[in-house]
Amino acid sequence: MCQKSKILSRVKNGELSICYICQNYNLVFNNIFFQFDEVQLNKFRQYISKIEINYWMNHSSCSTQRRKIPVETFHQNLILIFDNYEIEQLKILLGINNNKSFDILKSSDVDYSLVLN
C-alpha cells in the first residue's frame, strides 16, 4: 500500500483513494480491493454505470440469494456478485451518483441483527 495517498470518496462499505507517488487508484469495497490506473478506473466506472439493475433483479427473482447482480472483473474466472444497495453505494463511491445525502442511519441500514431491549 502506498504511503502518500488521499481519500477521494467514502461510503459505508468502502473508499476510493489515490496514491500521489505511483498514481494508482485504490478501491476498497467490503472485502474487495482493486488497484487501477486512471484508464482502468474510467473503464470500470463506465461498466458499473451501464449495469441494468432491474434486469438482474428480475432475472434472478426466483433466487433466494440477496446478491443477484454480477460484476465481471478483468480476470476471466472472477465474477463478483452484489445486491442493489451495494451497487448504489459503489456508484456513489465512483462518482456516478452524486446525490449522496447525509441522513441519519436507520436500523435497516445496519447489516446485523439488532436487539432492542
PDB file of N, CA and C in Angstrom:
ATOM      1  N   MET A   1       0.839  -1.177   0.000  1.00  0.00           N
ATOM      2  CA  MET A   1       0.000   0.000   0.000  1.00  0.00           C
ATOM      3  C   MET A   1       0.885   1.241   0.000  1.00  0.00           C
ATOM      4  N   CYS A   2       0.385   2.251  -0.616  1.00  0.00           N
ATOM      5  CA  CYS A   2       1.136   3.494  -0.746  1.00  0.00           C
ATOM      6  C   CYS A   2       0.977   4.359   0.501  1.00  0.00           C
ATOM      7  N   GLN A   3       2.009   5.127   0.792  1.00  0.00           N
ATOM      8  CA  GLN A   3       2.004   5.951   1.992  1.00  0.00           C
ATOM      9  C   GLN A   3       1.459   7.351   1.755  1.00  0.00           C
ATOM     10  N   LYS A   4       1.616   7.897   0.561  1.00  0.00           N
ATOM     11  CA  LYS A   4       1.168   9.256   0.260  1.00  0.00           C
ATOM     12  C   LYS A   4      -0.113   9.181  -0.550  1.00  0.00           C
ATOM     13  N   SER A   5      -1.219   8.917   0.123  1.00  0.00           N
ATOM     14  CA  SER A   5      -2.486   8.778  -0.577  1.00  0.00           C
ATOM     15  C   SER A   5      -3.522   9.716   0.026  1.00  0.00           C
ATOM     16  N   LYS A   6      -4.548   9.979  -0.772  1.00  0.00           N
ATOM     17  CA  LYS A   6      -5.641  10.845  -0.348  1.00  0.00           C
ATOM     18  C   LYS A   6      -6.948  10.143  -0.648  1.00  0.00           C
ATOM     19  N   ILE A   7      -7.863  10.152   0.300  1.00  0.00           N
ATOM     20  CA  ILE A   7      -9.180   9.558   0.097  1.00  0.00           C
ATOM     21  C   ILE A   7     -10.012  10.511  -0.753  1.00  0.00           C
ATOM     22  N   LEU A   8     -10.508   9.990  -1.888  1.00  0.00           N
ATOM     23  CA  LEU A   8     -11.311  10.794  -2.805  1.00  0.00           C
ATOM     24  C   LEU A   8     -12.796  10.724  -2.474  1.00  0.00           C
ATOM     25  N   SER A   9     -13.261   9.550  -2.084  1.00  0.00           N
ATOM     26  CA  SER A   9     -14.660   9.398  -1.678  1.00  0.00           C
ATOM     27  C   SER A   9     -14.777   8.223  -0.727  1.00  0.00           C
ATOM     28  N   ARG A  10     -15.831   8.268   0.078  1.00  0.00           N
ATOM     29  CA  ARG A  10     -16.032   7.239   1.088  1.00  0.00           C
ATOM     30  C   ARG A  10     -17.521   7.012   1.271  1.00  0.00           C
ATOM     31  N   VAL A  11     -17.897   5.745   1.400  1.00  0.00           N
ATOM     32  CA  VAL A  11     -19.264   5.341   1.728  1.00  0.00           C
ATOM     33  C   VAL A  11     -19.192   4.340   2.867  1.00  0.00           C
ATOM     34  N   LYS A  12     -20.339   3.862   3.295  1.00  0.00           N
ATOM     35  CA  LYS A  12     -20.390   2.931   4.420  1.00  0.00           C
ATOM     36  C   LYS A  12     -19.530   1.689   4.176  1.00  0.00           C
ATOM     37  N   ASN A  13     -19.539   1.176   2.951  1.00  0.00           N
ATOM     38  CA  ASN A  13     -18.872  -0.093   2.657  1.00  0.00           C
ATOM     39  C   ASN A  13     -17.478   0.027   2.064  1.00  0.00           C
ATOM     40  N   GLY A  14     -16.971   1.245   1.856  1.00  0.00           N
ATOM     41  CA  GLY A  14     -15.644   1.322   1.273  1.00  0.00           C
ATOM     42  C   GLY A  14     -15.175   2.735   1.000  1.00  0.00           C
ATOM     43  N   GLU A  15     -14.038   2.810   0.304  1.00  0.00           N
ATOM     44  CA  GLU A  15     -13.476   4.109  -0.040  1.00  0.00           C
ATOM     45  C   GLU A  15     -12.636   4.006  -1.304  1.00  0.00           C
ATOM     46  N   LEU A  16     -12.486   5.155  -1.965  1.00  0.00           N
ATOM     47  CA  LEU A  16     -11.652   5.284  -3.148  1.00  0.00           C
ATOM     48  C   LEU A  16     -10.564   6.292  -2.821  1.00  0.00           C
ATOM     49  N   SER A  17      -9.316   5.899  -3.035  1.00  0.00           N
ATOM     50  CA  SER A  17      -8.200   6.797  -2.754  1.00  0.00           C
ATOM     51  C   SER A  17      -7.219   6.774  -3.920  1.00  0.00           C
ATOM     52  N   ILE A  18      -6.337   7.781  -3.941  1.00  0.00           N
ATOM     53  CA  ILE A  18      -5.298   7.870  -4.964  1.00  0.00           C
ATOM     54  C   ILE A  18      -3.952   7.990  -4.274  1.00  0.00           C
ATOM     55  N   CYS A  19      -2.955   7.309  -4.838  1.00  0.00           N
ATOM     56  CA  CYS A  19      -1.582   7.429  -4.364  1.00  0.00           C
ATOM     57  C   CYS A  19      -0.880   8.447  -5.243  1.00  0.00           C
ATOM     58  N   TYR A  20      -0.306   9.460  -4.630  1.00  0.00           N
ATOM     59  CA  TYR A  20       0.367  10.511  -5.390  1.00  0.00           C
ATOM     60  C   TYR A  20       1.726  10.078  -5.924  1.00  0.00           C
ATOM     61  N   ILE A  21       2.303   9.026  -5.368  1.00  0.00           N
ATOM     62  CA  ILE A  21       3.615   8.560  -5.814  1.00  0.00           C
ATOM     63  C   ILE A  21       3.478   7.688  -7.073  1.00  0.00           C
ATOM     64  N   CYS A  22       2.644   6.667  -7.003  1.00  0.00           N
ATOM     65  CA  CYS A  22       2.519   5.740  -8.143  1.00  0.00           C
ATOM     66  C   CYS A  22       1.341   6.049  -9.054  1.00  0.00           C
ATOM     67  N   GLN A  23       0.526   7.039  -8.695  1.00  0.00           N
ATOM     68  CA  GLN A  23      -0.633   7.457  -9.490  1.00  0.00           C
ATOM     69  C   GLN A  23      -1.640   6.331  -9.701  1.00  0.00           C
ATOM     70  N   ASN A  24      -1.775   5.438  -8.730  1.00  0.00           N
ATOM     71  CA  ASN A  24      -2.768   4.375  -8.770  1.00  0.00           C
ATOM     72  C   ASN A  24      -3.946   4.725  -7.882  1.00  0.00           C
ATOM     73  N   TYR A  25      -5.109   4.271  -8.305  1.00  0.00           N
ATOM     74  CA  TYR A  25      -6.327   4.439  -7.525  1.00  0.00           C
ATOM     75  C   TYR A  25      -6.595   3.140  -6.780  1.00  0.00           C
ATOM     76  N   ASN A  26      -6.878   3.239  -5.501  1.00  0.00           N
ATOM     77  CA  ASN A  26      -7.181   2.079  -4.672  1.00  0.00           C
ATOM     78  C   ASN A  26      -8.657   2.122  -4.305  1.00  0.00           C
ATOM     79  N   LEU A  27      -9.361   1.076  -4.681  1.00  0.00           N
ATOM     80  CA  LEU A  27     -10.781   0.955  -4.379  1.00  0.00           C
ATOM     81  C   LEU A  27     -10.957  -0.205  -3.418  1.00  0.00           C
ATOM     82  N   VAL A  28     -11.393   0.110  -2.207  1.00  0.00           N
ATOM     83  CA  VAL A  28     -11.679  -0.897  -1.193  1.00  0.00           C
ATOM     84  C   VAL A  28     -13.182  -0.888  -0.993  1.00  0.00           C
ATOM     85  N   PHE A  29     -13.815  -2.042  -1.223  1.00  0.00           N
ATOM     86  CA  PHE A  29     -15.265  -2.132  -1.082  1.00  0.00           C
ATOM     87  C   PHE A  29     -15.601  -3.479  -0.456  1.00  0.00           C
ATOM     88  N   ASN A  30     -16.249  -3.440   0.710  1.00  0.00           N
ATOM     89  CA  ASN A  30     -16.490  -4.637   1.522  1.00  0.00           C
ATOM     90  C   ASN A  30     -15.156  -5.354   1.732  1.00  0.00           C
ATOM     91  N   ASN A  31     -15.008  -6.575   1.262  1.00  0.00           N
ATOM     92  CA  ASN A  31     -13.739  -7.283   1.435  1.00  0.00           C
ATOM     93  C   ASN A  31     -12.981  -7.403   0.112  1.00  0.00           C
ATOM     94  N   ILE A  32     -13.227  -6.466  -0.807  1.00  0.00           N
ATOM     95  CA  ILE A  32     -12.601  -6.485  -2.127  1.00  0.00           C
ATOM     96  C   ILE A  32     -11.656  -5.300  -2.245  1.00  0.00           C
ATOM     97  N   PHE A  33     -10.477  -5.547  -2.808  1.00  0.00           N
ATOM     98  CA  PHE A  33      -9.503  -4.484  -3.040  1.00  0.00           C
ATOM     99  C   PHE A  33      -9.127  -4.478  -4.509  1.00  0.00           C
ATOM    100  N   PHE A  34      -9.299  -3.334  -5.167  1.00  0.00           N
ATOM    101  CA  PHE A  34      -8.875  -3.148  -6.550  1.00  0.00           C
ATOM    102  C   PHE A  34      -7.815  -2.063  -6.583  1.00  0.00           C
ATOM    103  N   GLN A  35      -6.883  -2.212  -7.512  1.00  0.00           N
ATOM    104  CA  GLN A  35      -5.916  -1.158  -7.760  1.00  0.00           C
ATOM    105  C   GLN A  35      -5.949  -0.873  -9.256  1.00  0.00           C
ATOM    106  N   PHE A  36      -6.275   0.387  -9.616  1.00  0.00           N
ATOM    107  CA  PHE A  36      -6.447   0.782 -11.007  1.00  0.00           C
ATOM    108  C   PHE A  36      -5.495   1.911 -11.355  1.00  0.00           C
ATOM    109  N   ASP A  37      -5.113   1.972 -12.636  1.00  0.00           N
ATOM    110  CA  ASP A  37      -4.552   3.220 -13.137  1.00  0.00           C
ATOM    111  C   ASP A  37      -5.753   4.057 -13.613  1.00  0.00           C
ATOM    112  N   GLU A  38      -5.512   5.248 -14.126  1.00  0.00           N
ATOM    113  CA  GLU A  38      -6.623   6.145 -14.468  1.00  0.00           C
ATOM    114  C   GLU A  38      -7.504   5.572 -15.579  1.00  0.00           C
ATOM    115  N   VAL A  39      -6.902   4.964 -16.579  1.00  0.00           N
ATOM    116  CA  VAL A  39      -7.666   4.384 -17.689  1.00  0.00           C
ATOM    117  C   VAL A  39      -8.536   3.230 -17.198  1.00  0.00           C
ATOM    118  N   GLN A  40      -7.968   2.345 -16.397  1.00  0.00           N
ATOM    119  CA  GLN A  40      -8.715   1.215 -15.861  1.00  0.00           C
ATOM    120  C   GLN A  40      -9.867   1.678 -14.971  1.00  0.00           C
ATOM    121  N   LEU A  41      -9.631   2.700 -14.154  1.00  0.00           N
ATOM    122  CA  LEU A  41     -10.687   3.221 -13.293  1.00  0.00           C
ATOM    123  C   LEU A  41     -11.836   3.775 -14.123  1.00  0.00           C
ATOM    124  N   ASN A  42     -11.517   4.507 -15.182  1.00  0.00           N
ATOM    125  CA  ASN A  42     -12.574   5.057 -16.038  1.00  0.00           C
ATOM    126  C   ASN A  42     -13.359   3.959 -16.744  1.00  0.00           C
ATOM    127  N   LYS A  43     -12.688   2.900 -17.179  1.00  0.00           N
ATOM    128  CA  LYS A  43     -13.387   1.768 -17.799  1.00  0.00           C
ATOM    129  C   LYS A  43     -14.288   1.074 -16.791  1.00  0.00           C
ATOM    130  N   PHE A  44     -13.804   0.884 -15.574  1.00  0.00           N
ATOM    131  CA  PHE A  44     -14.614   0.256 -14.527  1.00  0.00           C
ATOM    132  C   PHE A  44     -15.810   1.135 -14.183  1.00  0.00           C
ATOM    133  N   ARG A  45     -15.597   2.439 -14.112  1.00  0.00           N
ATOM    134  CA  ARG A  45     -16.677   3.386 -13.840  1.00  0.00           C
ATOM    135  C   ARG A  45     -17.756   3.302 -14.929  1.00  0.00           C
ATOM    136  N   GLN A  46     -17.342   3.243 -16.181  1.00  0.00           N
ATOM    137  CA  GLN A  46     -18.296   3.121 -17.286  1.00  0.00           C
ATOM    138  C   GLN A  46     -19.062   1.809 -17.202  1.00  0.00           C
ATOM    139  N   TYR A  47     -18.367   0.735 -16.894  1.00  0.00           N
ATOM    140  CA  TYR A  47     -19.007  -0.571 -16.777  1.00  0.00           C
ATOM    141  C   TYR A  47     -20.065  -0.571 -15.672  1.00  0.00           C
ATOM    142  N   ILE A  48     -19.722  -0.038 -14.521  1.00  0.00           N
ATOM    143  CA  ILE A  48     -20.664  -0.003 -13.399  1.00  0.00           C
ATOM    144  C   ILE A  48     -21.867   0.879 -13.737  1.00  0.00           C
ATOM    145  N   SER A  49     -21.638   1.981 -14.434  1.00  0.00           N
ATOM    146  CA  SER A  49     -22.748   2.884 -14.759  1.00  0.00           C
ATOM    147  C   SER A  49     -23.734   2.271 -15.742  1.00  0.00           C
ATOM    148  N   LYS A  50     -23.315   1.270 -16.507  1.00  0.00           N
ATOM    149  CA  LYS A  50     -24.179   0.655 -17.521  1.00  0.00           C
ATOM    150  C   LYS A  50     -24.889  -0.602 -17.038  1.00  0.00           C
ATOM    151  N   ILE A  51     -24.682  -0.998 -15.801  1.00  0.00           N
ATOM    152  CA  ILE A  51     -25.342  -2.199 -15.276  1.00  0.00           C
ATOM    153  C   ILE A  51     -26.842  -1.948 -15.172  1.00  0.00           C
ATOM    154  N   GLU A  52     -27.607  -2.864 -15.722  1.00  0.00           N
ATOM    155  CA  GLU A  52     -29.067  -2.792 -15.651  1.00  0.00           C
ATOM    156  C   GLU A  52     -29.545  -3.502 -14.377  1.00  0.00           C
ATOM    157  N   ILE A  53     -29.701  -2.752 -13.328  1.00  0.00           N
ATOM    158  CA  ILE A  53     -30.053  -3.326 -12.024  1.00  0.00           C
ATOM    159  C   ILE A  53     -31.398  -4.040 -12.082  1.00  0.00           C
ATOM    160  N   ASN A  54     -32.400  -3.406 -12.693  1.00  0.00           N
ATOM    161  CA  ASN A  54     -33.740  -4.017 -12.755  1.00  0.00           C
ATOM    162  C   ASN A  54     -33.728  -5.331 -13.522  1.00  0.00           C
ATOM    163  N   TYR A  55     -32.936  -5.394 -14.585  1.00  0.00           N
ATOM    164  CA  TYR A  55     -32.846  -6.640 -15.355  1.00  0.00           C
ATOM    165  C   TYR A  55     -32.345  -7.775 -14.469  1.00  0.00           C
ATOM    166  N   TRP A  56     -31.257  -7.543 -13.750  1.00  0.00           N
ATOM    167  CA  TRP A  56     -30.681  -8.615 -12.937  1.00  0.00           C
ATOM    168  C   TRP A  56     -31.570  -8.972 -11.748  1.00  0.00           C
ATOM    169  N   MET A  57     -32.270  -7.984 -11.191  1.00  0.00           N
ATOM    170  CA  MET A  57     -33.168  -8.285 -10.074  1.00  0.00           C
ATOM    171  C   MET A  57     -34.349  -9.139 -10.555  1.00  0.00           C
ATOM    172  N   ASN A  58     -34.865  -8.862 -11.756  1.00  0.00           N
ATOM    173  CA  ASN A  58     -35.965  -9.658 -12.314  1.00  0.00           C
ATOM    174  C   ASN A  58     -35.471 -11.000 -12.851  1.00  0.00           C
ATOM    175  N   HIS A  59     -34.295 -11.023 -13.429  1.00  0.00           N
ATOM    176  CA  HIS A  59     -33.725 -12.249 -13.999  1.00  0.00           C
ATOM    177  C   HIS A  59     -33.515 -13.300 -12.911  1.00  0.00           C
ATOM    178  N   SER A  60     -33.124 -12.877 -11.758  1.00  0.00           N
ATOM    179  CA  SER A  60     -32.853 -13.798 -10.648  1.00  0.00           C
ATOM    180  C   SER A  60     -33.922 -13.720  -9.574  1.00  0.00           C
ATOM    181  N   SER A  61     -35.135 -13.399  -9.966  1.00  0.00           N
ATOM    182  CA  SER A  61     -36.190 -13.181  -8.973  1.00  0.00           C
ATOM    183  C   SER A  61     -36.548 -14.440  -8.198  1.00  0.00           C
ATOM    184  N   CYS A  62     -36.337 -15.617  -8.772  1.00  0.00           N
ATOM    185  CA  CYS A  62     -36.653 -16.870  -8.069  1.00  0.00           C
ATOM    186  C   CYS A  62     -35.565 -17.270  -7.079  1.00  0.00           C
ATOM    187  N   SER A  63     -34.425 -16.640  -7.157  1.00  0.00           N
ATOM    188  CA  SER A  63     -33.322 -16.984  -6.269  1.00  0.00           C
ATOM    189  C   SER A  63     -33.579 -16.433  -4.871  1.00  0.00           C
ATOM    190  N   THR A  64     -33.157 -17.175  -3.887  1.00  0.00           N
ATOM    191  CA  THR A  64     -33.299 -16.718  -2.504  1.00  0.00           C
ATOM    192  C   THR A  64     -32.083 -15.920  -2.049  1.00  0.00           C
ATOM    193  N   GLN A  65     -31.081 -15.830  -2.902  1.00  0.00           N
ATOM    194  CA  GLN A  65     -29.874 -15.093  -2.562  1.00  0.00           C
ATOM    195  C   GLN A  65     -30.136 -13.596  -2.564  1.00  0.00           C
ATOM    196  N   ARG A  66     -29.506 -12.896  -1.651  1.00  0.00           N
ATOM    197  CA  ARG A  66     -29.657 -11.439  -1.562  1.00  0.00           C
ATOM    198  C   ARG A  66     -28.878 -10.750  -2.666  1.00  0.00           C
ATOM    199  N   ARG A  67     -27.723 -11.261  -2.980  1.00  0.00           N
ATOM    200  CA  ARG A  67     -26.870 -10.676  -4.021  1.00  0.00           C
ATOM    201  C   ARG A  67     -27.189 -11.341  -5.353  1.00  0.00           C
ATOM    202  N   LYS A  68     -27.608 -10.509  -6.340  1.00  0.00           N
ATOM    203  CA  LYS A  68     -28.047 -11.052  -7.620  1.00  0.00           C
ATOM    204  C   LYS A  68     -27.412 -10.369  -8.820  1.00  0.00           C
ATOM    205  N   ILE A  69     -26.633  -9.318  -8.610  1.00  0.00           N
ATOM    206  CA  ILE A  69     -26.119  -8.524  -9.720  1.00  0.00           C
ATOM    207  C   ILE A  69     -24.650  -8.868  -9.941  1.00  0.00           C
ATOM    208  N   PRO A  70     -24.325  -9.527 -11.075  1.00  0.00           N
ATOM    209  CA  PRO A  70     -22.938  -9.898 -11.338  1.00  0.00           C
ATOM    210  C   PRO A  70     -22.128  -8.724 -11.887  1.00  0.00           C
ATOM    211  N   VAL A  71     -20.887  -8.651 -11.471  1.00  0.00           N
ATOM    212  CA  VAL A  71     -19.949  -7.652 -11.986  1.00  0.00           C
ATOM    213  C   VAL A  71     -18.701  -8.409 -12.426  1.00  0.00           C
ATOM    214  N   GLU A  72     -18.441  -8.359 -13.718  1.00  0.00           N
ATOM    215  CA  GLU A  72     -17.265  -9.044 -14.242  1.00  0.00           C
ATOM    216  C   GLU A  72     -16.014  -8.242 -13.922  1.00  0.00           C
ATOM    217  N   THR A  73     -14.921  -8.950 -13.770  1.00  0.00           N
ATOM    218  CA  THR A  73     -13.636  -8.307 -13.499  1.00  0.00           C
ATOM    219  C   THR A  73     -12.706  -8.546 -14.679  1.00  0.00           C
ATOM    220  N   PHE A  74     -11.499  -8.008 -14.586  1.00  0.00           N
ATOM    221  CA  PHE A  74     -10.510  -8.202 -15.641  1.00  0.00           C
ATOM    222  C   PHE A  74     -10.022  -9.642 -15.684  1.00  0.00           C
ATOM    223  N   HIS A  75     -10.213 -10.369 -14.603  1.00  0.00           N
ATOM    224  CA  HIS A  75      -9.807 -11.764 -14.551  1.00  0.00           C
ATOM    225  C   HIS A  75     -10.952 -12.631 -15.045  1.00  0.00           C
ATOM    226  N   GLN A  76     -10.657 -13.522 -15.948  1.00  0.00           N
ATOM    227  CA  GLN A  76     -11.667 -14.304 -16.624  1.00  0.00           C
ATOM    228  C   GLN A  76     -12.495 -15.168 -15.673  1.00  0.00           C
ATOM    229  N   ASN A  77     -11.902 -15.680 -14.637  1.00  0.00           N
ATOM    230  CA  ASN A  77     -12.588 -16.614 -13.747  1.00  0.00           C
ATOM    231  C   ASN A  77     -13.137 -15.977 -12.482  1.00  0.00           C
ATOM    232  N   LEU A  78     -13.155 -14.662 -12.409  1.00  0.00           N
ATOM    233  CA  LEU A  78     -13.616 -13.995 -11.202  1.00  0.00           C
ATOM    234  C   LEU A  78     -14.793 -13.074 -11.522  1.00  0.00           C
ATOM    235  N   ILE A  79     -15.953 -13.406 -10.986  1.00  0.00           N
ATOM    236  CA  ILE A  79     -17.143 -12.570 -11.132  1.00  0.00           C
ATOM    237  C   ILE A  79     -17.628 -12.245  -9.726  1.00  0.00           C
ATOM    238  N   LEU A  80     -17.821 -10.977  -9.459  1.00  0.00           N
ATOM    239  CA  LEU A  80     -18.294 -10.533  -8.155  1.00  0.00           C
ATOM    240  C   LEU A  80     -19.809 -10.383  -8.206  1.00  0.00           C
ATOM    241  N   ILE A  81     -20.469 -10.656  -7.108  1.00  0.00           N
ATOM    242  CA  ILE A  81     -21.926 -10.570  -7.038  1.00  0.00           C
ATOM    243  C   ILE A  81     -22.297  -9.540  -5.971  1.00  0.00           C
ATOM    244  N   PHE A  82     -23.153  -8.576  -6.346  1.00  0.00           N
ATOM    245  CA  PHE A  82     -23.572  -7.513  -5.440  1.00  0.00           C
ATOM    246  C   PHE A  82     -25.091  -7.472  -5.340  1.00  0.00           C
ATOM    247  N   ASP A  83     -25.590  -6.826  -4.302  1.00  0.00           N
ATOM    248  CA  ASP A  83     -27.021  -6.552  -4.228  1.00  0.00           C
ATOM    249  C   ASP A  83     -27.272  -5.105  -4.672  1.00  0.00           C
ATOM    250  N   ASN A  84     -28.527  -4.733  -4.732  1.00  0.00           N
ATOM    251  CA  ASN A  84     -28.922  -3.414  -5.229  1.00  0.00           C
ATOM    252  C   ASN A  84     -28.299  -2.289  -4.406  1.00  0.00           C
ATOM    253  N   TYR A  85     -28.334  -2.423  -3.089  1.00  0.00           N
ATOM    254  CA  TYR A  85     -27.778  -1.401  -2.205  1.00  0.00           C
ATOM    255  C   TYR A  85     -26.274  -1.239  -2.423  1.00  0.00           C
ATOM    256  N   GLU A  86     -25.565  -2.364  -2.578  1.00  0.00           N
ATOM    257  CA  GLU A  86     -24.117  -2.307  -2.773  1.00  0.00           C
ATOM    258  C   GLU A  86     -23.759  -1.654  -4.105  1.00  0.00           C
ATOM    259  N   ILE A  87     -24.548  -1.924  -5.153  1.00  0.00           N
ATOM    260  CA  ILE A  87     -24.296  -1.288  -6.455  1.00  0.00           C
ATOM    261  C   ILE A  87     -24.505   0.224  -6.340  1.00  0.00           C
ATOM    262  N   GLU A  88     -25.553   0.639  -5.645  1.00  0.00           N
ATOM    263  CA  GLU A  88     -25.789   2.077  -5.463  1.00  0.00           C
ATOM    264  C   GLU A  88     -24.660   2.719  -4.670  1.00  0.00           C
ATOM    265  N   GLN A  89     -24.164   2.045  -3.643  1.00  0.00           N
ATOM    266  CA  GLN A  89     -23.027   2.549  -2.869  1.00  0.00           C
ATOM    267  C   GLN A  89     -21.769   2.633  -3.728  1.00  0.00           C
ATOM    268  N   LEU A  90     -21.569   1.633  -4.577  1.00  0.00           N
ATOM    269  CA  LEU A  90     -20.419   1.629  -5.478  1.00  0.00           C
ATOM    270  C   LEU A  90     -20.507   2.780  -6.485  1.00  0.00           C
ATOM    271  N   LYS A  91     -21.708   3.064  -6.965  1.00  0.00           N
ATOM    272  CA  LYS A  91     -21.898   4.184  -7.890  1.00  0.00           C
ATOM    273  C   LYS A  91     -21.600   5.520  -7.209  1.00  0.00           C
ATOM    274  N   ILE A  92     -22.005   5.666  -5.967  1.00  0.00           N
ATOM    275  CA  ILE A  92     -21.693   6.890  -5.224  1.00  0.00           C
ATOM    276  C   ILE A  92     -20.183   7.000  -5.023  1.00  0.00           C
ATOM    277  N   LEU A  93     -19.565   5.894  -4.671  1.00  0.00           N
ATOM    278  CA  LEU A  93     -18.122   5.869  -4.436  1.00  0.00           C
ATOM    279  C   LEU A  93     -17.333   6.255  -5.687  1.00  0.00           C
ATOM    280  N   LEU A  94     -17.801   5.814  -6.853  1.00  0.00           N
ATOM    281  CA  LEU A  94     -17.122   6.101  -8.115  1.00  0.00           C
ATOM    282  C   LEU A  94     -17.530   7.441  -8.721  1.00  0.00           C
ATOM    283  N   GLY A  95     -18.429   8.156  -8.079  1.00  0.00           N
ATOM    284  CA  GLY A  95     -18.842   9.461  -8.587  1.00  0.00           C
ATOM    285  C   GLY A  95     -19.872   9.389  -9.686  1.00  0.00           C
ATOM    286  N   ILE A  96     -20.540   8.252  -9.844  1.00  0.00           N
ATOM    287  CA  ILE A  96     -21.581   8.109 -10.862  1.00  0.00           C
ATOM    288  C   ILE A  96     -22.869   8.738 -10.357  1.00  0.00           C
ATOM    289  N   ASN A  97     -23.245   8.432  -9.134  1.00  0.00           N
ATOM    290  CA  ASN A  97     -24.402   9.058  -8.479  1.00  0.00           C
ATOM    291  C   ASN A  97     -23.871  10.022  -7.437  1.00  0.00           C
ATOM    292  N   ASN A  98     -24.072  11.292  -7.663  1.00  0.00           N
ATOM    293  CA  ASN A  98     -23.560  12.290  -6.729  1.00  0.00           C
ATOM    294  C   ASN A  98     -24.617  12.783  -5.751  1.00  0.00           C
ATOM    295  N   ASN A  99     -25.771  12.124  -5.712  1.00  0.00           N
ATOM    296  CA  ASN A  99     -26.830  12.576  -4.813  1.00  0.00           C
ATOM    297  C   ASN A  99     -26.707  11.914  -3.454  1.00  0.00           C
ATOM    298  N   LYS A 100     -25.496  11.906  -2.931  1.00  0.00           N
ATOM    299  CA  LYS A 100     -25.240  11.345  -1.612  1.00  0.00           C
ATOM    300  C   LYS A 100     -25.802  12.286  -0.550  1.00  0.00           C
ATOM    301  N   SER A 101     -26.630  11.750   0.297  1.00  0.00           N
ATOM    302  CA  SER A 101     -27.191  12.574   1.360  1.00  0.00           C
ATOM    303  C   SER A 101     -26.604  12.142   2.688  1.00  0.00           C
ATOM    304  N   PHE A 102     -26.618  13.028   3.604  1.00  0.00           N
ATOM    305  CA  PHE A 102     -26.076  12.753   4.927  1.00  0.00           C
ATOM    306  C   PHE A 102     -27.221  12.568   5.908  1.00  0.00           C
ATOM    307  N   ASP A 103     -27.987  11.494   5.697  1.00  0.00           N
ATOM    308  CA  ASP A 103     -29.108  11.189   6.555  1.00  0.00           C
ATOM    309  C   ASP A 103     -28.628  10.424   7.779  1.00  0.00           C
ATOM    310  N   ILE A 104     -29.451  10.447   8.799  1.00  0.00           N
ATOM    311  CA  ILE A 104     -29.174   9.662   9.993  1.00  0.00           C
ATOM    312  C   ILE A 104     -29.382   8.195   9.649  1.00  0.00           C
ATOM    313  N   LEU A 105     -28.498   7.347  10.157  1.00  0.00           N
ATOM    314  CA  LEU A 105     -28.618   5.921   9.907  1.00  0.00           C
ATOM    315  C   LEU A 105     -29.935   5.388  10.449  1.00  0.00           C
ATOM    316  N   LYS A 106     -30.582   4.551   9.648  1.00  0.00           N
ATOM    317  CA  LYS A 106     -31.793   3.870  10.090  1.00  0.00           C
ATOM    318  C   LYS A 106     -31.411   2.469  10.537  1.00  0.00           C
ATOM    319  N   SER A 107     -32.266   1.831  11.286  1.00  0.00           N
ATOM    320  CA  SER A 107     -31.957   0.472  11.735  1.00  0.00           C
ATOM    321  C   SER A 107     -31.855  -0.484  10.559  1.00  0.00           C
ATOM    322  N   SER A 108     -32.552  -0.211   9.449  1.00  0.00           N
ATOM    323  CA  SER A 108     -32.456  -1.072   8.271  1.00  0.00           C
ATOM    324  C   SER A 108     -31.100  -0.954   7.575  1.00  0.00           C
ATOM    325  N   ASP A 109     -30.344   0.116   7.840  1.00  0.00           N
ATOM    326  CA  ASP A 109     -29.017   0.286   7.247  1.00  0.00           C
ATOM    327  C   ASP A 109     -27.963  -0.569   7.942  1.00  0.00           C
ATOM    328  N   VAL A 110     -28.244  -1.021   9.140  1.00  0.00           N
ATOM    329  CA  VAL A 110     -27.300  -1.827   9.900  1.00  0.00           C
ATOM    330  C   VAL A 110     -27.432  -3.272   9.438  1.00  0.00           C
ATOM    331  N   ASP A 111     -26.325  -3.870   9.016  1.00  0.00           N
ATOM    332  CA  ASP A 111     -26.347  -5.192   8.403  1.00  0.00           C
ATOM    333  C   ASP A 111     -26.062  -6.311   9.409  1.00  0.00           C
ATOM    334  N   TYR A 112     -26.685  -6.265  10.546  1.00  0.00           N
ATOM    335  CA  TYR A 112     -26.610  -7.348  11.505  1.00  0.00           C
ATOM    336  C   TYR A 112     -27.836  -7.295  12.394  1.00  0.00           C
ATOM    337  N   SER A 113     -28.053  -8.354  13.135  1.00  0.00           N
ATOM    338  CA  SER A 113     -29.234  -8.422  13.982  1.00  0.00           C
ATOM    339  C   SER A 113     -29.175  -7.364  15.060  1.00  0.00           C
ATOM    340  N   LEU A 114     -30.243  -6.649  15.206  1.00  0.00           N
ATOM    341  CA  LEU A 114     -30.314  -5.570  16.183  1.00  0.00           C
ATOM    342  C   LEU A 114     -31.357  -5.969  17.232  1.00  0.00           C
ATOM    343  N   VAL A 115     -30.939  -5.984  18.463  1.00  0.00           N
ATOM    344  CA  VAL A 115     -31.841  -6.350  19.548  1.00  0.00           C
ATOM    345  C   VAL A 115     -32.140  -5.090  20.334  1.00  0.00           C
ATOM    346  N   LEU A 116     -33.418  -4.709  20.360  1.00  0.00           N
ATOM    347  CA  LEU A 116     -33.825  -3.532  21.120  1.00  0.00           C
ATOM    348  C   LEU A 116     -34.349  -3.983  22.480  1.00  0.00           C
ATOM    349  N   ASN A 117     -33.676  -3.644  23.534  1.00  0.00           N
ATOM    350  CA  ASN A 117     -34.096  -4.028  24.888  1.00  0.00           C
ATOM    351  C   ASN A 117     -34.789  -2.884  25.563  1.00  0.00           C
TER     352      ASN A 117
END
